Amino acid sequence: MKKILLIEDVDDTVELVRKILTARGYEFVHAGDAETGLQLALENLPDLILLDLGLPDYDGQTLAGWIHNERELLATPLVAFTAWPEETAKDMVRSYGFNGYISKPIINVNEFSERVSSFLK
């Protein structure tokens, strides 16, 4: 079973993603802030990290840098999960070493699931 870590601080979004991913057989891990996200990433070694760019303690770009500095997480796909405009999201992907991005809000559950699975090897 593939394990996905969602680092997101909006409860409604967390609950929706949890329902979608667990219904499709993924193991779901959640952190509501950057520091907890890094800790859970190192403890759980997920197969994919979905990272909100606007977190309450540190921004997603800072956390992306921390994740890239952890040898155990170098092979883990890191995906920006953001409501930022598409061009801004693309710039973040290039600038901060994300593997890609998924837009919020989730409008189409199947499309979201397909995007998530496209980042899993």
PDB file of N, CA and C in Angstrom:
ATOM      1  N   MET A   1       0.851  -1.177   0.000  1.00  0.00           N
ATOM      2  CA  MET A   1       0.000   0.000   0.000  1.00  0.00           C
ATOM      3  C   MET A   1       0.892   1.234   0.000  1.00  0.00           C
ATOM      4  N   LYS A   2       0.648   2.134  -0.949  1.00  0.00           N
ATOM      5  CA  LYS A   2       1.412   3.376  -1.049  1.00  0.00           C
ATOM      6  C   LYS A   2       0.980   4.341   0.048  1.00  0.00           C
ATOM      7  N   LYS A   3       1.966   5.030   0.610  1.00  0.00           N
ATOM      8  CA  LYS A   3       1.726   5.962   1.712  1.00  0.00           C
ATOM      9  C   LYS A   3       1.905   7.391   1.208  1.00  0.00           C
ATOM     10  N   ILE A   4       0.904   8.223   1.487  1.00  0.00           N
ATOM     11  CA  ILE A   4       0.944   9.619   1.062  1.00  0.00           C
ATOM     12  C   ILE A   4       0.855  10.523   2.280  1.00  0.00           C
ATOM     13  N   LEU A   5       1.790  11.458   2.363  1.00  0.00           N
ATOM     14  CA  LEU A   5       1.796  12.463   3.417  1.00  0.00           C
ATOM     15  C   LEU A   5       1.234  13.761   2.847  1.00  0.00           C
ATOM     16  N   LEU A   6       0.178  14.256   3.463  1.00  0.00           N
ATOM     17  CA  LEU A   6      -0.392  15.556   3.119  1.00  0.00           C
ATOM     18  C   LEU A   6       0.017  16.546   4.201  1.00  0.00           C
ATOM     19  N   ILE A   7       0.672  17.632   3.793  1.00  0.00           N
ATOM     20  CA  ILE A   7       1.035  18.698   4.722  1.00  0.00           C
ATOM     21  C   ILE A   7       0.155  19.886   4.340  1.00  0.00           C
ATOM     22  N   GLU A   8      -0.899  20.075   5.135  1.00  0.00           N
ATOM     23  CA  GLU A   8      -1.984  21.014   4.815  1.00  0.00           C
ATOM     24  C   GLU A   8      -2.626  21.468   6.113  1.00  0.00           C
ATOM     25  N   ASP A   9      -3.002  22.751   6.188  1.00  0.00           N
ATOM     26  CA  ASP A   9      -3.568  23.278   7.429  1.00  0.00           C
ATOM     27  C   ASP A   9      -5.066  23.568   7.384  1.00  0.00           C
ATOM     28  N   VAL A  10      -5.719  23.378   6.253  1.00  0.00           N
ATOM     29  CA  VAL A  10      -7.159  23.641   6.141  1.00  0.00           C
ATOM     30  C   VAL A  10      -7.916  22.330   6.354  1.00  0.00           C
ATOM     31  N   ASP A  11      -8.660  22.270   7.465  1.00  0.00           N
ATOM     32  CA  ASP A  11      -9.319  21.018   7.874  1.00  0.00           C
ATOM     33  C   ASP A  11     -10.236  20.426   6.805  1.00  0.00           C
ATOM     34  N   ASP A  12     -11.028  21.246   6.130  1.00  0.00           N
ATOM     35  CA  ASP A  12     -11.938  20.729   5.103  1.00  0.00           C
ATOM     36  C   ASP A  12     -11.169  20.078   3.957  1.00  0.00           C
ATOM     37  N   THR A  13     -10.069  20.676   3.574  1.00  0.00           N
ATOM     38  CA  THR A  13      -9.241  20.107   2.502  1.00  0.00           C
ATOM     39  C   THR A  13      -8.622  18.796   2.961  1.00  0.00           C
ATOM     40  N   VAL A  14      -8.125  18.776   4.186  1.00  0.00           N
ATOM     41  CA  VAL A  14      -7.534  17.551   4.739  1.00  0.00           C
ATOM     42  C   VAL A  14      -8.551  16.417   4.713  1.00  0.00           C
ATOM     43  N   GLU A  15      -9.757  16.692   5.165  1.00  0.00           N
ATOM     44  CA  GLU A  15     -10.783  15.652   5.232  1.00  0.00           C
ATOM     45  C   GLU A  15     -11.155  15.138   3.842  1.00  0.00           C
ATOM     46  N   LEU A  16     -11.283  16.031   2.872  1.00  0.00           N
ATOM     47  CA  LEU A  16     -11.603  15.619   1.508  1.00  0.00           C
ATOM     48  C   LEU A  16     -10.489  14.754   0.929  1.00  0.00           C
ATOM     49  N   VAL A  17      -9.253  15.191   1.069  1.00  0.00           N
ATOM     50  CA  VAL A  17      -8.121  14.413   0.542  1.00  0.00           C
ATOM     51  C   VAL A  17      -8.043  13.054   1.242  1.00  0.00           C
ATOM     52  N   ARG A  18      -8.228  13.039   2.556  1.00  0.00           N
ATOM     53  CA  ARG A  18      -8.216  11.773   3.301  1.00  0.00           C
ATOM     54  C   ARG A  18      -9.255  10.803   2.751  1.00  0.00           C
ATOM     55  N   LYS A  19     -10.470  11.289   2.548  1.00  0.00           N
ATOM     56  CA  LYS A  19     -11.537  10.424   2.033  1.00  0.00           C
ATOM     57  C   LYS A  19     -11.208   9.890   0.647  1.00  0.00           C
ATOM     58  N   ILE A  20     -10.716  10.756  -0.211  1.00  0.00           N
ATOM     59  CA  ILE A  20     -10.396  10.342  -1.580  1.00  0.00           C
ATOM     60  C   ILE A  20      -9.282   9.300  -1.578  1.00  0.00           C
ATOM     61  N   LEU A  21      -8.211   9.589  -0.857  1.00  0.00           N
ATOM     62  CA  LEU A  21      -7.048   8.702  -0.902  1.00  0.00           C
ATOM     63  C   LEU A  21      -7.292   7.368  -0.209  1.00  0.00           C
ATOM     64  N   THR A  22      -7.945   7.389   0.949  1.00  0.00           N
ATOM     65  CA  THR A  22      -8.195   6.116   1.633  1.00  0.00           C
ATOM     66  C   THR A  22      -9.195   5.257   0.865  1.00  0.00           C
ATOM     67  N   ALA A  23     -10.143   5.879   0.189  1.00  0.00           N
ATOM     68  CA  ALA A  23     -11.106   5.130  -0.623  1.00  0.00           C
ATOM     69  C   ALA A  23     -10.422   4.429  -1.798  1.00  0.00           C
ATOM     70  N   ARG A  24      -9.273   4.956  -2.198  1.00  0.00           N
ATOM     71  CA  ARG A  24      -8.534   4.368  -3.309  1.00  0.00           C
ATOM     72  C   ARG A  24      -7.384   3.481  -2.835  1.00  0.00           C
ATOM     73  N   GLY A  25      -7.364   3.188  -1.537  1.00  0.00           N
ATOM     74  CA  GLY A  25      -6.420   2.223  -1.012  1.00  0.00           C
ATOM     75  C   GLY A  25      -5.071   2.767  -0.578  1.00  0.00           C
ATOM     76  N   TYR A  26      -4.919   4.067  -0.522  1.00  0.00           N
ATOM     77  CA  TYR A  26      -3.661   4.647  -0.062  1.00  0.00           C
ATOM     78  C   TYR A  26      -3.665   4.758   1.464  1.00  0.00           C
ATOM     79  N   GLU A  27      -2.485   4.643   2.040  1.00  0.00           N
ATOM     80  CA  GLU A  27      -2.324   4.956   3.450  1.00  0.00           C
ATOM     81  C   GLU A  27      -2.140   6.472   3.541  1.00  0.00           C
ATOM     82  N   PHE A  28      -2.850   7.101   4.453  1.00  0.00           N
ATOM     83  CA  PHE A  28      -2.885   8.562   4.551  1.00  0.00           C
ATOM     84  C   PHE A  28      -2.241   9.027   5.853  1.00  0.00           C
ATOM     85  N   VAL A  29      -1.294   9.956   5.742  1.00  0.00           N
ATOM     86  CA  VAL A  29      -0.655  10.581   6.896  1.00  0.00           C
ATOM     87  C   VAL A  29      -0.826  12.085   6.725  1.00  0.00           C
ATOM     88  N   HIS A  30      -1.095  12.783   7.832  1.00  0.00           N
ATOM     89  CA  HIS A  30      -1.353  14.214   7.747  1.00  0.00           C
ATOM     90  C   HIS A  30      -0.541  15.002   8.766  1.00  0.00           C
ATOM     91  N   ALA A  31      -0.069  16.156   8.327  1.00  0.00           N
ATOM     92  CA  ALA A  31       0.563  17.135   9.213  1.00  0.00           C
ATOM     93  C   ALA A  31      -0.049  18.489   8.908  1.00  0.00           C
ATOM     94  N   GLY A  32      -0.285  19.279   9.949  1.00  0.00           N
ATOM     95  CA  GLY A  32      -0.907  20.582   9.782  1.00  0.00           C
ATOM     96  C   GLY A  32       0.056  21.743   9.719  1.00  0.00           C
ATOM     97  N   ASP A  33       1.362  21.463   9.875  1.00  0.00           N
ATOM     98  CA  ASP A  33       2.349  22.537   9.790  1.00  0.00           C
ATOM     99  C   ASP A  33       3.676  21.966   9.284  1.00  0.00           C
ATOM    100  N   ALA A  34       4.616  22.852   8.985  1.00  0.00           N
ATOM    101  CA  ALA A  34       5.870  22.450   8.364  1.00  0.00           C
ATOM    102  C   ALA A  34       6.733  21.586   9.284  1.00  0.00           C
ATOM    103  N   GLU A  35       6.892  21.996  10.537  1.00  0.00           N
ATOM    104  CA  GLU A  35       7.759  21.232  11.434  1.00  0.00           C
ATOM    105  C   GLU A  35       7.245  19.812  11.646  1.00  0.00           C
ATOM    106  N   THR A  36       5.939  19.681  11.856  1.00  0.00           N
ATOM    107  CA  THR A  36       5.347  18.345  12.014  1.00  0.00           C
ATOM    108  C   THR A  36       5.461  17.573  10.708  1.00  0.00           C
ATOM    109  N   GLY A  37       5.300  18.260   9.589  1.00  0.00           N
ATOM    110  CA  GLY A  37       5.415  17.618   8.287  1.00  0.00           C
ATOM    111  C   GLY A  37       6.776  16.984   8.069  1.00  0.00           C
ATOM    112  N   LEU A  38       7.834  17.729   8.406  1.00  0.00           N
ATOM    113  CA  LEU A  38       9.173  17.172   8.252  1.00  0.00           C
ATOM    114  C   LEU A  38       9.369  15.975   9.184  1.00  0.00           C
ATOM    115  N   GLN A  39       8.916  16.106  10.411  1.00  0.00           N
ATOM    116  CA  GLN A  39       9.041  15.009  11.379  1.00  0.00           C
ATOM    117  C   GLN A  39       8.312  13.759  10.879  1.00  0.00           C
ATOM    118  N   LEU A  40       7.069  13.917  10.413  1.00  0.00           N
ATOM    119  CA  LEU A  40       6.296  12.765   9.939  1.00  0.00           C
ATOM    120  C   LEU A  40       6.882  12.184   8.657  1.00  0.00           C
ATOM    121  N   ALA A  41       7.439  13.041   7.807  1.00  0.00           N
ATOM    122  CA  ALA A  41       8.079  12.541   6.587  1.00  0.00           C
ATOM    123  C   ALA A  41       9.254  11.632   6.941  1.00  0.00           C
ATOM    124  N   LEU A  42      10.060  12.053   7.908  1.00  0.00           N
ATOM    125  CA  LEU A  42      11.218  11.251   8.306  1.00  0.00           C
ATOM    126  C   LEU A  42      10.802   9.981   9.048  1.00  0.00           C
ATOM    127  N   GLU A  43       9.743  10.041   9.833  1.00  0.00           N
ATOM    128  CA  GLU A  43       9.277   8.866  10.573  1.00  0.00           C
ATOM    129  C   GLU A  43       8.574   7.853   9.679  1.00  0.00           C
ATOM    130  N   ASN A  44       7.824   8.337   8.675  1.00  0.00           N
ATOM    131  CA  ASN A  44       6.979   7.459   7.861  1.00  0.00           C
ATOM    132  C   ASN A  44       7.554   7.123   6.496  1.00  0.00           C
ATOM    133  N   LEU A  45       8.526   7.897   6.022  1.00  0.00           N
ATOM    134  CA  LEU A  45       9.103   7.721   4.692  1.00  0.00           C
ATOM    135  C   LEU A  45       8.009   7.444   3.645  1.00  0.00           C
ATOM    136  N   PRO A  46       7.169   8.447   3.382  1.00  0.00           N
ATOM    137  CA  PRO A  46       6.052   8.256   2.466  1.00  0.00           C
ATOM    138  C   PRO A  46       6.505   8.051   1.019  1.00  0.00           C
ATOM    139  N   ASP A  47       5.601   7.534   0.209  1.00  0.00           N
ATOM    140  CA  ASP A  47       5.859   7.353  -1.219  1.00  0.00           C
ATOM    141  C   ASP A  47       5.617   8.635  -2.003  1.00  0.00           C
ATOM    142  N   LEU A  48       4.913   9.590  -1.385  1.00  0.00           N
ATOM    143  CA  LEU A  48       4.594  10.864  -2.014  1.00  0.00           C
ATOM    144  C   LEU A  48       4.281  11.873  -0.923  1.00  0.00           C
ATOM    145  N   ILE A  49       4.740  13.122  -1.131  1.00  0.00           N
ATOM    146  CA  ILE A  49       4.403  14.210  -0.219  1.00  0.00           C
ATOM    147  C   ILE A  49       3.639  15.271  -0.998  1.00  0.00           C
ATOM    148  N   LEU A  50       2.421  15.579  -0.535  1.00  0.00           N
ATOM    149  CA  LEU A  50       1.630  16.686  -1.071  1.00  0.00           C
ATOM    150  C   LEU A  50       1.805  17.850  -0.102  1.00  0.00           C
ATOM    151  N   LEU A  51       2.332  18.955  -0.586  1.00  0.00           N
ATOM    152  CA  LEU A  51       2.726  20.055   0.281  1.00  0.00           C
ATOM    153  C   LEU A  51       2.013  21.350  -0.080  1.00  0.00           C
ATOM    154  N   ASP A  52       1.202  21.822   0.848  1.00  0.00           N
ATOM    155  CA  ASP A  52       0.569  23.136   0.717  1.00  0.00           C
ATOM    156  C   ASP A  52       1.671  24.186   0.805  1.00  0.00           C
ATOM    157  N   LEU A  53       1.586  25.233  -0.012  1.00  0.00           N
ATOM    158  CA  LEU A  53       2.621  26.260  -0.001  1.00  0.00           C
ATOM    159  C   LEU A  53       2.409  27.311   1.086  1.00  0.00           C
ATOM    160  N   GLY A  54       1.200  27.413   1.614  1.00  0.00           N
ATOM    161  CA  GLY A  54       0.920  28.399   2.655  1.00  0.00           C
ATOM    162  C   GLY A  54       0.591  27.723   3.970  1.00  0.00           C
ATOM    163  N   LEU A  55       1.588  27.522   4.792  1.00  0.00           N
ATOM    164  CA  LEU A  55       1.409  26.849   6.081  1.00  0.00           C
ATOM    165  C   LEU A  55       1.513  27.866   7.213  1.00  0.00           C
ATOM    166  N   PRO A  56       0.993  27.534   8.397  1.00  0.00           N
ATOM    167  CA  PRO A  56       0.957  28.517   9.479  1.00  0.00           C
ATOM    168  C   PRO A  56       2.318  28.844  10.106  1.00  0.00           C
ATOM    169  N   ASP A  57       3.279  27.916  10.064  1.00  0.00           N
ATOM    170  CA  ASP A  57       4.556  28.193  10.718  1.00  0.00           C
ATOM    171  C   ASP A  57       5.656  28.604   9.739  1.00  0.00           C
ATOM    172  N   TYR A  58       5.849  27.857   8.673  1.00  0.00           N
ATOM    173  CA  TYR A  58       6.827  28.170   7.641  1.00  0.00           C
ATOM    174  C   TYR A  58       6.146  27.969   6.301  1.00  0.00           C
ATOM    175  N   ASP A  59       6.621  28.655   5.271  1.00  0.00           N
ATOM    176  CA  ASP A  59       5.986  28.449   3.968  1.00  0.00           C
ATOM    177  C   ASP A  59       6.472  27.138   3.349  1.00  0.00           C
ATOM    178  N   GLY A  60       5.722  26.691   2.363  1.00  0.00           N
ATOM    179  CA  GLY A  60       6.031  25.420   1.719  1.00  0.00           C
ATOM    180  C   GLY A  60       7.384  25.399   1.032  1.00  0.00           C
ATOM    181  N   GLN A  61       7.840  26.548   0.555  1.00  0.00           N
ATOM    182  CA  GLN A  61       9.139  26.617  -0.104  1.00  0.00           C
ATOM    183  C   GLN A  61      10.257  26.325   0.895  1.00  0.00           C
ATOM    184  N   THR A  62      10.123  26.853   2.109  1.00  0.00           N
ATOM    185  CA  THR A  62      11.115  26.580   3.153  1.00  0.00           C
ATOM    186  C   THR A  62      11.125  25.098   3.491  1.00  0.00           C
ATOM    187  N   LEU A  63       9.945  24.525   3.666  1.00  0.00           N
ATOM    188  CA  LEU A  63       9.861  23.100   3.975  1.00  0.00           C
ATOM    189  C   LEU A  63      10.407  22.256   2.826  1.00  0.00           C
ATOM    190  N   ALA A  64      10.166  22.659   1.601  1.00  0.00           N
ATOM    191  CA  ALA A  64      10.720  21.927   0.461  1.00  0.00           C
ATOM    192  C   ALA A  64      12.244  21.869   0.559  1.00  0.00           C
ATOM    193  N   GLY A  65      12.861  22.981   0.946  1.00  0.00           N
ATOM    194  CA  GLY A  65      14.310  22.999   1.125  1.00  0.00           C
ATOM    195  C   GLY A  65      14.759  22.046   2.215  1.00  0.00           C
ATOM    196  N   TRP A  66      14.035  22.018   3.331  1.00  0.00           N
ATOM    197  CA  TRP A  66      14.373  21.092   4.411  1.00  0.00           C
ATOM    198  C   TRP A  66      14.283  19.647   3.929  1.00  0.00           C
ATOM    199  N   ILE A  67      13.208  19.348   3.200  1.00  0.00           N
ATOM    200  CA  ILE A  67      13.002  17.980   2.700  1.00  0.00           C
ATOM    201  C   ILE A  67      14.129  17.581   1.756  1.00  0.00           C
ATOM    202  N   HIS A  68      14.524  18.500   0.880  1.00  0.00           N
ATOM    203  CA  HIS A  68      15.610  18.200  -0.062  1.00  0.00           C
ATOM    204  C   HIS A  68      16.949  17.986   0.638  1.00  0.00           C
ATOM    205  N   ASN A  69      17.082  18.450   1.863  1.00  0.00           N
ATOM    206  CA  ASN A  69      18.327  18.264   2.616  1.00  0.00           C
ATOM    207  C   ASN A  69      18.361  16.951   3.392  1.00  0.00           C
ATOM    208  N   GLU A  70      17.280  16.194   3.345  1.00  0.00           N
ATOM    209  CA  GLU A  70      17.206  14.911   4.068  1.00  0.00           C
ATOM    210  C   GLU A  70      17.461  13.761   3.101  1.00  0.00           C
ATOM    211  N   ARG A  71      18.566  13.083   3.291  1.00  0.00           N
ATOM    212  CA  ARG A  71      18.963  11.997   2.385  1.00  0.00           C
ATOM    213  C   ARG A  71      17.867  10.945   2.242  1.00  0.00           C
ATOM    214  N   GLU A  72      17.174  10.633   3.349  1.00  0.00           N
ATOM    215  CA  GLU A  72      16.143   9.592   3.320  1.00  0.00           C
ATOM    216  C   GLU A  72      14.955   9.972   2.434  1.00  0.00           C
ATOM    217  N   LEU A  73      14.802  11.263   2.140  1.00  0.00           N
ATOM    218  CA  LEU A  73      13.635  11.730   1.388  1.00  0.00           C
ATOM    219  C   LEU A  73      13.966  12.154  -0.046  1.00  0.00           C
ATOM    220  N   LEU A  74      15.216  12.015  -0.450  1.00  0.00           N
ATOM    221  CA  LEU A  74      15.615  12.506  -1.767  1.00  0.00           C
ATOM    222  C   LEU A  74      14.840  11.872  -2.916  1.00  0.00           C
ATOM    223  N   ALA A  75      14.477  10.613  -2.797  1.00  0.00           N
ATOM    224  CA  ALA A  75      13.762   9.918  -3.871  1.00  0.00           C
ATOM    225  C   ALA A  75      12.250  10.085  -3.775  1.00  0.00           C
ATOM    226  N   THR A  76      11.767  10.746  -2.724  1.00  0.00           N
ATOM    227  CA  THR A  76      10.329  10.905  -2.519  1.00  0.00           C
ATOM    228  C   THR A  76       9.799  12.040  -3.374  1.00  0.00           C
ATOM    229  N   PRO A  77       8.818  11.769  -4.247  1.00  0.00           N
ATOM    230  CA  PRO A  77       8.234  12.852  -5.034  1.00  0.00           C
ATOM    231  C   PRO A  77       7.591  13.891  -4.113  1.00  0.00           C
ATOM    232  N   LEU A  78       7.867  15.156  -4.404  1.00  0.00           N
ATOM    233  CA  LEU A  78       7.352  16.279  -3.635  1.00  0.00           C
ATOM    234  C   LEU A  78       6.485  17.115  -4.565  1.00  0.00           C
ATOM    235  N   VAL A  79       5.192  17.214  -4.236  1.00  0.00           N
ATOM    236  CA  VAL A  79       4.228  17.875  -5.116  1.00  0.00           C
ATOM    237  C   VAL A  79       3.601  19.055  -4.386  1.00  0.00           C
ATOM    238  N   ALA A  80       3.680  20.219  -5.006  1.00  0.00           N
ATOM    239  CA  ALA A  80       3.019  21.403  -4.452  1.00  0.00           C
ATOM    240  C   ALA A  80       1.513  21.228  -4.606  1.00  0.00           C
ATOM    241  N   PHE A  81       0.795  21.465  -3.533  1.00  0.00           N
ATOM    242  CA  PHE A  81      -0.665  21.351  -3.517  1.00  0.00           C
ATOM    243  C   PHE A  81      -1.168  22.744  -3.176  1.00  0.00           C
ATOM    244  N   THR A  82      -1.616  23.479  -4.194  1.00  0.00           N
ATOM    245  CA  THR A  82      -1.781  24.913  -4.014  1.00  0.00           C
ATOM    246  C   THR A  82      -2.971  25.507  -4.754  1.00  0.00           C
ATOM    247  N   ALA A  83      -3.486  26.583  -4.188  1.00  0.00           N
ATOM    248  CA  ALA A  83      -4.536  27.365  -4.841  1.00  0.00           C
ATOM    249  C   ALA A  83      -3.939  28.563  -5.571  1.00  0.00           C
ATOM    250  N   TRP A  84      -2.625  28.679  -5.587  1.00  0.00           N
ATOM    251  CA  TRP A  84      -1.976  29.778  -6.286  1.00  0.00           C
ATOM    252  C   TRP A  84      -2.249  29.661  -7.784  1.00  0.00           C
ATOM    253  N   PRO A  85      -2.209  30.768  -8.508  1.00  0.00           N
ATOM    254  CA  PRO A  85      -2.429  30.728  -9.962  1.00  0.00           C
ATOM    255  C   PRO A  85      -1.434  29.782 -10.650  1.00  0.00           C
ATOM    256  N   GLU A  86      -1.840  29.234 -11.770  1.00  0.00           N
ATOM    257  CA  GLU A  86      -1.055  28.213 -12.469  1.00  0.00           C
ATOM    258  C   GLU A  86       0.377  28.666 -12.758  1.00  0.00           C
ATOM    259  N   GLU A  87       0.561  29.879 -13.259  1.00  0.00           N
ATOM    260  CA  GLU A  87       1.909  30.354 -13.577  1.00  0.00           C
ATOM    261  C   GLU A  87       2.781  30.434 -12.332  1.00  0.00           C
ATOM    262  N   THR A  88       2.215  30.903 -11.239  1.00  0.00           N
ATOM    263  CA  THR A  88       2.957  30.982  -9.979  1.00  0.00           C
ATOM    264  C   THR A  88       3.327  29.579  -9.513  1.00  0.00           C
ATOM    265  N   ALA A  89       2.385  28.652  -9.594  1.00  0.00           N
ATOM    266  CA  ALA A  89       2.650  27.265  -9.197  1.00  0.00           C
ATOM    267  C   ALA A  89       3.775  26.676 -10.044  1.00  0.00           C
ATOM    268  N   LYS A  90       3.748  26.913 -11.333  1.00  0.00           N
ATOM    269  CA  LYS A  90       4.814  26.405 -12.215  1.00  0.00           C
ATOM    270  C   LYS A  90       6.164  27.000 -11.838  1.00  0.00           C
ATOM    271  N   ASP A  91       6.186  28.283 -11.498  1.00  0.00           N
ATOM    272  CA  ASP A  91       7.429  28.921 -11.061  1.00  0.00           C
ATOM    273  C   ASP A  91       7.947  28.286  -9.782  1.00  0.00           C
ATOM    274  N   MET A  92       7.044  27.987  -8.844  1.00  0.00           N
ATOM    275  CA  MET A  92       7.438  27.346  -7.588  1.00  0.00           C
ATOM    276  C   MET A  92       8.022  25.960  -7.843  1.00  0.00           C
ATOM    277  N   VAL A  93       7.407  25.222  -8.745  1.00  0.00           N
ATOM    278  CA  VAL A  93       7.895  23.880  -9.088  1.00  0.00           C
ATOM    279  C   VAL A  93       9.336  23.972  -9.584  1.00  0.00           C
ATOM    280  N   ARG A  94       9.580  24.902 -10.501  1.00  0.00           N
ATOM    281  CA  ARG A  94      10.931  25.055 -11.058  1.00  0.00           C
ATOM    282  C   ARG A  94      11.918  25.569 -10.013  1.00  0.00           C
ATOM    283  N   SER A  95      11.525  26.574  -9.267  1.00  0.00           N
ATOM    284  CA  SER A  95      12.442  27.249  -8.344  1.00  0.00           C
ATOM    285  C   SER A  95      12.794  26.435  -7.110  1.00  0.00           C
ATOM    286  N   TYR A  96      11.870  25.613  -6.639  1.00  0.00           N
ATOM    287  CA  TYR A  96      12.068  24.944  -5.356  1.00  0.00           C
ATOM    288  C   TYR A  96      12.169  23.428  -5.452  1.00  0.00           C
ATOM    289  N   GLY A  97      12.320  22.895  -6.659  1.00  0.00           N
ATOM    290  CA  GLY A  97      12.593  21.479  -6.816  1.00  0.00           C
ATOM    291  C   GLY A  97      11.423  20.544  -6.584  1.00  0.00           C
ATOM    292  N   PHE A  98      10.201  21.049  -6.778  1.00  0.00           N
ATOM    293  CA  PHE A  98       9.042  20.164  -6.698  1.00  0.00           C
ATOM    294  C   PHE A  98       8.999  19.277  -7.939  1.00  0.00           C
ATOM    295  N   ASN A  99       8.363  18.123  -7.819  1.00  0.00           N
ATOM    296  CA  ASN A  99       8.184  17.233  -8.963  1.00  0.00           C
ATOM    297  C   ASN A  99       6.998  17.649  -9.822  1.00  0.00           C
ATOM    298  N   GLY A 100       6.166  18.522  -9.311  1.00  0.00           N
ATOM    299  CA  GLY A 100       4.991  19.000 -10.022  1.00  0.00           C
ATOM    300  C   GLY A 100       4.054  19.668  -9.033  1.00  0.00           C
ATOM    301  N   TYR A 101       2.833  19.932  -9.495  1.00  0.00           N
ATOM    302  CA  TYR A 101       1.852  20.538  -8.603  1.00  0.00           C
ATOM    303  C   TYR A 101       0.467  20.011  -8.920  1.00  0.00           C
ATOM    304  N   ILE A 102      -0.395  20.123  -7.931  1.00  0.00           N
ATOM    305  CA  ILE A 102      -1.817  19.810  -8.084  1.00  0.00           C
ATOM    306  C   ILE A 102      -2.575  21.022  -7.573  1.00  0.00           C
ATOM    307  N   SER A 103      -3.526  21.480  -8.366  1.00  0.00           N
ATOM    308  CA  SER A 103      -4.283  22.683  -8.013  1.00  0.00           C
ATOM    309  C   SER A 103      -5.388  22.397  -7.008  1.00  0.00           C
ATOM    310  N   LYS A 104      -5.610  23.374  -6.139  1.00  0.00           N
ATOM    311  CA  LYS A 104      -6.747  23.390  -5.228  1.00  0.00           C
ATOM    312  C   LYS A 104      -7.677  24.494  -5.703  1.00  0.00           C
ATOM    313  N   PRO A 105      -8.942  24.418  -5.413  1.00  0.00           N
ATOM    314  CA  PRO A 105      -9.614  23.324  -4.716  1.00  0.00           C
ATOM    315  C   PRO A 105      -9.787  22.105  -5.614  1.00  0.00           C
ATOM    316  N   ILE A 106     -10.083  20.987  -4.993  1.00  0.00           N
ATOM    317  CA  ILE A 106     -10.355  19.762  -5.751  1.00  0.00           C
ATOM    318  C   ILE A 106     -11.761  19.883  -6.315  1.00  0.00           C
ATOM    319  N   ILE A 107     -11.840  19.912  -7.633  1.00  0.00           N
ATOM    320  CA  ILE A 107     -13.137  20.042  -8.312  1.00  0.00           C
ATOM    321  C   ILE A 107     -13.605  18.667  -8.799  1.00  0.00           C
ATOM    322  N   ASN A 108     -12.665  17.919  -9.370  1.00  0.00           N
ATOM    323  CA  ASN A 108     -12.980  16.615  -9.940  1.00  0.00           C
ATOM    324  C   ASN A 108     -12.174  15.555  -9.192  1.00  0.00           C
ATOM    325  N   VAL A 109     -12.859  14.709  -8.441  1.00  0.00           N
ATOM    326  CA  VAL A 109     -12.202  13.700  -7.605  1.00  0.00           C
ATOM    327  C   VAL A 109     -11.371  12.741  -8.447  1.00  0.00           C
ATOM    328  N   ASN A 110     -11.906  12.289  -9.577  1.00  0.00           N
ATOM    329  CA  ASN A 110     -11.161  11.354 -10.420  1.00  0.00           C
ATOM    330  C   ASN A 110      -9.914  11.996 -11.003  1.00  0.00           C
ATOM    331  N   GLU A 111     -10.019  13.244 -11.406  1.00  0.00           N
ATOM    332  CA  GLU A 111      -8.854  13.956 -11.943  1.00  0.00           C
ATOM    333  C   GLU A 111      -7.781  14.120 -10.860  1.00  0.00           C
ATOM    334  N   PHE A 112      -8.213  14.465  -9.653  1.00  0.00           N
ATOM    335  CA  PHE A 112      -7.272  14.574  -8.535  1.00  0.00           C
ATOM    336  C   PHE A 112      -6.564  13.237  -8.310  1.00  0.00           C
ATOM    337  N   SER A 113      -7.315  12.162  -8.272  1.00  0.00           N
ATOM    338  CA  SER A 113      -6.742  10.827  -8.045  1.00  0.00           C
ATOM    339  C   SER A 113      -5.752  10.450  -9.142  1.00  0.00           C
ATOM    340  N   GLU A 114      -6.086  10.774 -10.371  1.00  0.00           N
ATOM    341  CA  GLU A 114      -5.185  10.472 -11.485  1.00  0.00           C
ATOM    342  C   GLU A 114      -3.883  11.265 -11.372  1.00  0.00           C
ATOM    343  N   ARG A 115      -3.987  12.539 -10.974  1.00  0.00           N
ATOM    344  CA  ARG A 115      -2.779  13.365 -10.794  1.00  0.00           C
ATOM    345  C   ARG A 115      -1.911  12.781  -9.686  1.00  0.00           C
ATOM    346  N   VAL A 116      -2.535  12.396  -8.577  1.00  0.00           N
ATOM    347  CA  VAL A 116      -1.767  11.807  -7.476  1.00  0.00           C
ATOM    348  C   VAL A 116      -1.061  10.545  -7.955  1.00  0.00           C
ATOM    349  N   SER A 117      -1.775   9.662  -8.599  1.00  0.00           N
ATOM    350  CA  SER A 117      -1.163   8.391  -9.027  1.00  0.00           C
ATOM    351  C   SER A 117      -0.068   8.611 -10.061  1.00  0.00           C
ATOM    352  N   SER A 118      -0.138   9.697 -10.825  1.00  0.00           N
ATOM    353  CA  SER A 118       0.899   9.961 -11.836  1.00  0.00           C
ATOM    354  C   SER A 118       2.256  10.265 -11.202  1.00  0.00           C
ATOM    355  N   PHE A 119       2.289  10.672  -9.931  1.00  0.00           N
ATOM    356  CA  PHE A 119       3.544  10.962  -9.259  1.00  0.00           C
ATOM    357  C   PHE A 119       4.104   9.760  -8.501  1.00  0.00           C
ATOM    358  N   LEU A 120       3.349   8.685  -8.418  1.00  0.00           N
ATOM    359  CA  LEU A 120       3.791   7.494  -7.711  1.00  0.00           C
ATOM    360  C   LEU A 120       4.458   6.540  -8.685  1.00  0.00           C
ATOM    361  N   LYS A 121       5.559   5.954  -8.248  1.00  0.00           N
ATOM    362  CA  LYS A 121       6.298   5.054  -9.143  1.00  0.00           C
ATOM    363  C   LYS A 121       5.927   3.631  -8.885  1.00  0.00           C
TER     364      LYS A 121
END
